[in-house]
Amino acid sequence: MVCFSAACAVFFSHMTGNITSLWSAQPQVGAEFLALHYPLKLIYIPSPTWANHNKIFPLAGIQIRNYRYYKPSTRGLDFEVIVSCC
């Protein structure tokens, strides 16, 4: 999950542990945290992504939009699409 705002700085500065061992629960916990503490109820999710990501965020009340990050013709990052999506 990518987060660009002052709210992210507050979140990460107070983080004392991590939940990376909870791989399947991590996106859900993140979605619920954002739904409670972040005023904007919108998140951009890369496409393609894991199938559960498209279900977890709407269940937490967060609208999703997709962006493409892979450029098949170059087999690499599609930087132009990434910077233009937001």
C-alpha atoms as a PDB file:
ATOM      1  CA  MET A   1       0.000   0.000   0.000  1.00  0.00           C
ATOM      2  CA  VAL A   2       1.317   3.421  -0.906  1.00  0.00           C
ATOM      3  CA  CYS A   3       0.358   6.464   1.105  1.00  0.00           C
ATOM      4  CA  PHE A   4       1.334  10.076   0.344  1.00  0.00           C
ATOM      5  CA  SER A   5       0.175  12.492   3.026  1.00  0.00           C
ATOM      6  CA  ALA A   6       0.826  13.942   6.463  1.00  0.00           C
ATOM      7  CA  ALA A   7      -1.462  11.251   7.887  1.00  0.00           C
ATOM      8  CA  CYS A   8       1.016   8.620   6.695  1.00  0.00           C
ATOM      9  CA  ALA A   9       3.882  10.333   8.475  1.00  0.00           C
ATOM     10  CA  VAL A  10       1.886  10.307  11.701  1.00  0.00           C
ATOM     11  CA  PHE A  11       1.006   6.649  11.254  1.00  0.00           C
ATOM     12  CA  PHE A  12       4.544   5.502  10.544  1.00  0.00           C
ATOM     13  CA  SER A  13       6.125   7.663  13.260  1.00  0.00           C
ATOM     14  CA  HIS A  14       3.953   5.995  15.915  1.00  0.00           C
ATOM     15  CA  MET A  15       4.290   2.467  14.617  1.00  0.00           C
ATOM     16  CA  THR A  16       6.087   0.333  17.195  1.00  0.00           C
ATOM     17  CA  GLY A  17       5.616  -3.084  15.683  1.00  0.00           C
ATOM     18  CA  ASN A  18       4.539  -4.691  12.468  1.00  0.00           C
ATOM     19  CA  ILE A  19       2.065  -7.242  11.268  1.00  0.00           C
ATOM     20  CA  THR A  20       3.967  -8.618   8.314  1.00  0.00           C
ATOM     21  CA  SER A  21       3.624 -12.121   9.702  1.00  0.00           C
ATOM     22  CA  LEU A  22      -0.129 -11.797   9.140  1.00  0.00           C
ATOM     23  CA  TRP A  23       0.095 -11.752   5.343  1.00  0.00           C
ATOM     24  CA  SER A  24      -3.569 -12.432   4.675  1.00  0.00           C
ATOM     25  CA  ALA A  25      -4.838 -10.056   7.379  1.00  0.00           C
ATOM     26  CA  GLN A  26      -2.464  -7.210   6.630  1.00  0.00           C
ATOM     27  CA  PRO A  27      -4.480  -5.576   3.779  1.00  0.00           C
ATOM     28  CA  GLN A  28      -7.675  -5.872   5.826  1.00  0.00           C
ATOM     29  CA  VAL A  29      -6.094  -4.266   8.893  1.00  0.00           C
ATOM     30  CA  GLY A  30      -4.674  -1.508   6.687  1.00  0.00           C
ATOM     31  CA  ALA A  31      -8.047  -0.917   5.035  1.00  0.00           C
ATOM     32  CA  GLU A  32      -9.831  -0.701   8.380  1.00  0.00           C
ATOM     33  CA  PHE A  33      -7.175   1.667   9.727  1.00  0.00           C
ATOM     34  CA  LEU A  34      -7.503   3.965   6.713  1.00  0.00           C
ATOM     35  CA  ALA A  35     -11.308   3.870   6.897  1.00  0.00           C
ATOM     36  CA  LEU A  36     -11.200   5.004  10.528  1.00  0.00           C
ATOM     37  CA  HIS A  37      -8.415   7.570  10.427  1.00  0.00           C
ATOM     38  CA  TYR A  38      -8.031   8.896   6.892  1.00  0.00           C
ATOM     39  CA  PRO A  39     -10.644  11.388   5.641  1.00  0.00           C
ATOM     40  CA  LEU A  40     -10.368  10.458   1.944  1.00  0.00           C
ATOM     41  CA  LYS A  41     -12.238   7.209   1.287  1.00  0.00           C
ATOM     42  CA  LEU A  42     -10.440   6.410  -1.971  1.00  0.00           C
ATOM     43  CA  ILE A  43      -7.446   4.215  -2.723  1.00  0.00           C
ATOM     44  CA  TYR A  44      -5.613   3.393  -5.946  1.00  0.00           C
ATOM     45  CA  ILE A  45      -4.817  -0.289  -6.411  1.00  0.00           C
ATOM     46  CA  PRO A  46      -2.406  -1.582  -9.046  1.00  0.00           C
ATOM     47  CA  SER A  47      -3.700  -3.758 -11.840  1.00  0.00           C
ATOM     48  CA  PRO A  48      -2.973  -6.596 -11.849  1.00  0.00           C
ATOM     49  CA  THR A  49      -3.101  -7.225  -8.105  1.00  0.00           C
ATOM     50  CA  TRP A  50      -4.072  -9.977  -5.697  1.00  0.00           C
ATOM     51  CA  ALA A  51      -7.772 -10.855  -6.066  1.00  0.00           C
ATOM     52  CA  ASN A  52      -8.594 -10.198  -2.412  1.00  0.00           C
ATOM     53  CA  HIS A  53      -7.458  -6.545  -2.575  1.00  0.00           C
ATOM     54  CA  ASN A  54     -10.438  -5.630  -4.783  1.00  0.00           C
ATOM     55  CA  LYS A  55     -12.814  -6.975  -2.108  1.00  0.00           C
ATOM     56  CA  ILE A  56     -11.133  -5.924   1.147  1.00  0.00           C
ATOM     57  CA  PHE A  57     -11.122  -2.160   0.651  1.00  0.00           C
ATOM     58  CA  PRO A  58     -14.806  -1.776  -0.388  1.00  0.00           C
ATOM     59  CA  LEU A  59     -15.785  -3.888   2.630  1.00  0.00           C
ATOM     60  CA  ALA A  60     -14.046  -1.287   4.811  1.00  0.00           C
ATOM     61  CA  GLY A  61     -15.969   1.511   3.062  1.00  0.00           C
ATOM     62  CA  ILE A  62     -13.144   2.647   0.806  1.00  0.00           C
ATOM     63  CA  GLN A  63     -13.731   3.196  -2.911  1.00  0.00           C
ATOM     64  CA  ILE A  64     -11.040   1.737  -5.178  1.00  0.00           C
ATOM     65  CA  ARG A  65      -9.650   2.817  -8.509  1.00  0.00           C
ATOM     66  CA  ASN A  66      -7.189   0.794 -10.501  1.00  0.00           C
ATOM     67  CA  TYR A  67      -4.039   1.844 -12.295  1.00  0.00           C
ATOM     68  CA  ARG A  68      -1.797  -0.119 -14.619  1.00  0.00           C
ATOM     69  CA  TYR A  69       1.874  -0.373 -13.664  1.00  0.00           C
ATOM     70  CA  TYR A  70       3.178  -3.004 -16.052  1.00  0.00           C
ATOM     71  CA  LYS A  71       3.995  -2.247 -19.678  1.00  0.00           C
ATOM     72  CA  PRO A  72       4.004  -5.501 -21.664  1.00  0.00           C
ATOM     73  CA  SER A  73       5.828  -4.017 -24.661  1.00  0.00           C
ATOM     74  CA  THR A  74       8.877  -3.177 -22.531  1.00  0.00           C
ATOM     75  CA  ARG A  75       8.343  -5.827 -19.856  1.00  0.00           C
ATOM     76  CA  GLY A  76       8.778  -3.110 -17.284  1.00  0.00           C
ATOM     77  CA  LEU A  77       7.258  -0.330 -15.291  1.00  0.00           C
ATOM     78  CA  ASP A  78       4.765   1.934 -17.077  1.00  0.00           C
ATOM     79  CA  PHE A  79       5.876   5.109 -15.323  1.00  0.00           C
ATOM     80  CA  GLU A  80       3.820   7.483 -17.490  1.00  0.00           C
ATOM     81  CA  VAL A  81       0.571   5.730 -16.555  1.00  0.00           C
ATOM     82  CA  ILE A  82       1.468   5.653 -12.864  1.00  0.00           C
ATOM     83  CA  VAL A  83       2.161   9.370 -12.597  1.00  0.00           C
ATOM     84  CA  SER A  84      -0.894  10.304 -14.675  1.00  0.00           C
ATOM     85  CA  CYS A  85      -3.443   8.199 -12.764  1.00  0.00           C
ATOM     86  CA  CYS A  86      -3.567  10.414  -9.711  1.00  0.00           C
END
